[in-house]
N, C-alpha and C. Protein backbone atom coordinates (compact mmCIF):
# COMPACT_ATOMS: atom_id res chain seq x y z
N UNK A 1 6.36 12.04 20.16
CA UNK A 1 6.79 11.41 18.93
C UNK A 1 7.84 12.27 18.25
N UNK A 2 8.84 11.64 17.76
CA UNK A 2 9.86 12.39 17.04
C UNK A 2 9.43 12.60 15.60
N UNK A 3 10.12 13.48 14.92
CA UNK A 3 9.79 13.78 13.53
C UNK A 3 9.94 12.58 12.61
N UNK A 4 10.91 11.70 12.91
CA UNK A 4 11.12 10.52 12.09
C UNK A 4 9.97 9.53 12.20
N UNK A 5 9.43 9.38 13.40
CA UNK A 5 8.31 8.46 13.59
C UNK A 5 7.06 8.97 12.90
N UNK A 6 6.80 10.26 13.02
CA UNK A 6 5.63 10.84 12.34
C UNK A 6 5.77 10.71 10.83
N UNK A 7 6.98 10.93 10.32
CA UNK A 7 7.19 10.81 8.88
C UNK A 7 6.98 9.37 8.43
N UNK A 8 7.41 8.41 9.25
CA UNK A 8 7.20 7.01 8.91
C UNK A 8 5.72 6.70 8.75
N UNK A 9 4.90 7.15 9.71
CA UNK A 9 3.47 6.86 9.65
C UNK A 9 2.81 7.55 8.47
N UNK A 10 3.16 8.78 8.21
CA UNK A 10 2.51 9.52 7.14
C UNK A 10 2.96 9.03 5.77
N UNK A 11 4.24 8.76 5.62
CA UNK A 11 4.79 8.44 4.31
C UNK A 11 4.73 6.95 3.96
N UNK A 12 4.70 6.06 4.97
CA UNK A 12 4.79 4.65 4.66
C UNK A 12 3.66 3.81 5.24
N UNK A 13 3.38 3.94 6.53
CA UNK A 13 2.43 3.03 7.17
C UNK A 13 1.00 3.26 6.68
N UNK A 14 0.55 4.49 6.68
CA UNK A 14 -0.82 4.76 6.24
C UNK A 14 -1.04 4.43 4.76
N UNK A 15 -0.14 4.81 3.85
CA UNK A 15 -0.32 4.38 2.46
C UNK A 15 -0.27 2.86 2.28
N UNK A 16 0.56 2.18 3.07
CA UNK A 16 0.61 0.72 2.98
C UNK A 16 -0.71 0.11 3.42
N UNK A 17 -1.30 0.65 4.48
CA UNK A 17 -2.61 0.15 4.92
C UNK A 17 -3.68 0.41 3.87
N UNK A 18 -3.61 1.54 3.19
CA UNK A 18 -4.55 1.83 2.11
C UNK A 18 -4.40 0.83 0.97
N UNK A 19 -3.15 0.54 0.60
CA UNK A 19 -2.91 -0.46 -0.45
C UNK A 19 -3.42 -1.83 -0.07
N UNK A 20 -3.21 -2.22 1.19
CA UNK A 20 -3.72 -3.51 1.65
C UNK A 20 -5.24 -3.54 1.65
N UNK A 21 -5.86 -2.40 1.95
CA UNK A 21 -7.32 -2.31 1.90
C UNK A 21 -7.83 -2.50 0.48
N UNK A 22 -7.15 -1.90 -0.49
CA UNK A 22 -7.55 -2.08 -1.89
C UNK A 22 -7.43 -3.54 -2.30
N UNK A 23 -6.34 -4.18 -1.92
CA UNK A 23 -6.15 -5.59 -2.27
C UNK A 23 -7.24 -6.44 -1.62
N UNK A 24 -7.50 -6.20 -0.35
CA UNK A 24 -8.53 -6.96 0.36
C UNK A 24 -9.91 -6.76 -0.23
N UNK A 25 -10.23 -5.53 -0.61
CA UNK A 25 -11.53 -5.26 -1.22
C UNK A 25 -11.66 -5.97 -2.56
N UNK A 26 -10.57 -5.99 -3.34
CA UNK A 26 -10.59 -6.69 -4.62
C UNK A 26 -10.78 -8.18 -4.45
N UNK A 27 -10.11 -8.75 -3.46
CA UNK A 27 -10.26 -10.19 -3.20
C UNK A 27 -11.69 -10.49 -2.76
N UNK A 28 -12.25 -9.62 -1.93
CA UNK A 28 -13.64 -9.80 -1.49
C UNK A 28 -14.60 -9.75 -2.68
N UNK A 29 -14.38 -8.80 -3.60
CA UNK A 29 -15.24 -8.70 -4.77
C UNK A 29 -15.12 -9.94 -5.65
N UNK A 30 -13.90 -10.43 -5.82
CA UNK A 30 -13.71 -11.62 -6.65
C UNK A 30 -14.33 -12.85 -6.00
N UNK A 31 -14.35 -12.90 -4.67
CA UNK A 31 -14.96 -14.03 -3.98
C UNK A 31 -16.47 -14.05 -4.19
N UNK A 32 -17.05 -12.90 -4.48
CA UNK A 32 -18.48 -12.80 -4.73
C UNK A 32 -18.78 -12.66 -6.23
N UNK A 33 -17.87 -13.18 -7.04
CA UNK A 33 -18.04 -13.24 -8.50
C UNK A 33 -18.28 -11.87 -9.11
N UNK A 34 -17.55 -10.89 -8.62
CA UNK A 34 -17.61 -9.54 -9.17
C UNK A 34 -16.20 -9.20 -9.67
N UNK A 35 -16.09 -8.13 -10.43
CA UNK A 35 -14.78 -7.73 -10.95
C UNK A 35 -13.99 -7.03 -9.85
N UNK A 36 -12.89 -7.64 -9.46
CA UNK A 36 -12.06 -7.06 -8.43
C UNK A 36 -10.59 -6.98 -8.82
N UNK A 37 -10.30 -7.37 -10.06
CA UNK A 37 -8.91 -7.37 -10.52
C UNK A 37 -8.32 -5.96 -10.52
N UNK A 38 -9.14 -4.96 -10.82
CA UNK A 38 -8.64 -3.59 -10.86
C UNK A 38 -8.16 -3.16 -9.47
N UNK A 39 -8.95 -3.47 -8.45
CA UNK A 39 -8.58 -3.10 -7.09
C UNK A 39 -7.32 -3.83 -6.64
N UNK A 40 -7.23 -5.11 -6.96
CA UNK A 40 -6.05 -5.88 -6.58
C UNK A 40 -4.82 -5.32 -7.29
N UNK A 41 -4.94 -5.03 -8.56
CA UNK A 41 -3.81 -4.47 -9.32
C UNK A 41 -3.40 -3.10 -8.82
N UNK A 42 -4.38 -2.25 -8.58
CA UNK A 42 -4.08 -0.90 -8.09
C UNK A 42 -3.45 -0.96 -6.70
N UNK A 43 -3.98 -1.82 -5.84
CA UNK A 43 -3.40 -1.98 -4.51
C UNK A 43 -1.97 -2.52 -4.57
N UNK A 44 -1.74 -3.46 -5.48
CA UNK A 44 -0.39 -3.99 -5.66
C UNK A 44 0.59 -2.94 -6.12
N UNK A 45 0.18 -2.13 -7.09
CA UNK A 45 1.03 -1.03 -7.56
C UNK A 45 1.29 -0.05 -6.42
N UNK A 46 0.26 0.24 -5.65
CA UNK A 46 0.39 1.16 -4.53
C UNK A 46 1.40 0.62 -3.52
N UNK A 47 1.34 -0.68 -3.22
CA UNK A 47 2.28 -1.28 -2.27
C UNK A 47 3.71 -1.29 -2.81
N UNK A 48 3.86 -1.48 -4.12
CA UNK A 48 5.20 -1.44 -4.72
C UNK A 48 5.78 -0.03 -4.61
N UNK A 49 4.96 0.98 -4.84
CA UNK A 49 5.43 2.37 -4.71
C UNK A 49 5.82 2.67 -3.27
N UNK A 50 5.05 2.19 -2.31
CA UNK A 50 5.38 2.39 -0.90
C UNK A 50 6.69 1.69 -0.55
N UNK A 51 6.88 0.47 -1.05
CA UNK A 51 8.12 -0.26 -0.78
C UNK A 51 9.31 0.46 -1.40
N UNK A 52 9.14 0.97 -2.61
CA UNK A 52 10.21 1.74 -3.25
C UNK A 52 10.52 2.99 -2.43
N UNK A 53 9.48 3.67 -1.94
CA UNK A 53 9.69 4.85 -1.10
C UNK A 53 10.44 4.52 0.18
N UNK A 54 10.13 3.37 0.78
CA UNK A 54 10.83 2.95 1.99
C UNK A 54 12.32 2.76 1.70
N UNK A 55 12.63 2.02 0.65
CA UNK A 55 14.04 1.79 0.34
C UNK A 55 14.73 3.06 -0.12
N UNK A 56 14.00 3.95 -0.77
CA UNK A 56 14.58 5.23 -1.18
C UNK A 56 14.92 6.07 0.05
N UNK A 57 14.02 6.10 1.04
CA UNK A 57 14.28 6.87 2.26
C UNK A 57 15.41 6.25 3.10
N UNK A 58 15.56 4.94 3.03
CA UNK A 58 16.62 4.28 3.77
C UNK A 58 17.98 4.44 3.09
N UNK A 59 17.98 4.91 1.85
CA UNK A 59 19.24 5.11 1.14
C UNK A 59 19.75 3.91 0.38
N UNK A 60 18.89 2.91 0.22
CA UNK A 60 19.30 1.70 -0.49
C UNK A 60 19.28 1.94 -2.00
N UNK A 61 18.28 2.67 -2.47
CA UNK A 61 18.14 2.91 -3.91
C UNK A 61 18.83 4.20 -4.27
């Protein structure tokens, strides 16, 4: 693996999967009539930060 590929996984892919896990857990909690809005919101913010980091690393921002 090259350094760029490892950086991609550490900086973008793994945090994105974590954010998706938070969103999924929140949706699961809401489906069972529990409070899950916090998890969905936190996961959404996390995904936005990861997307911003991706575009920042690509030189778009």
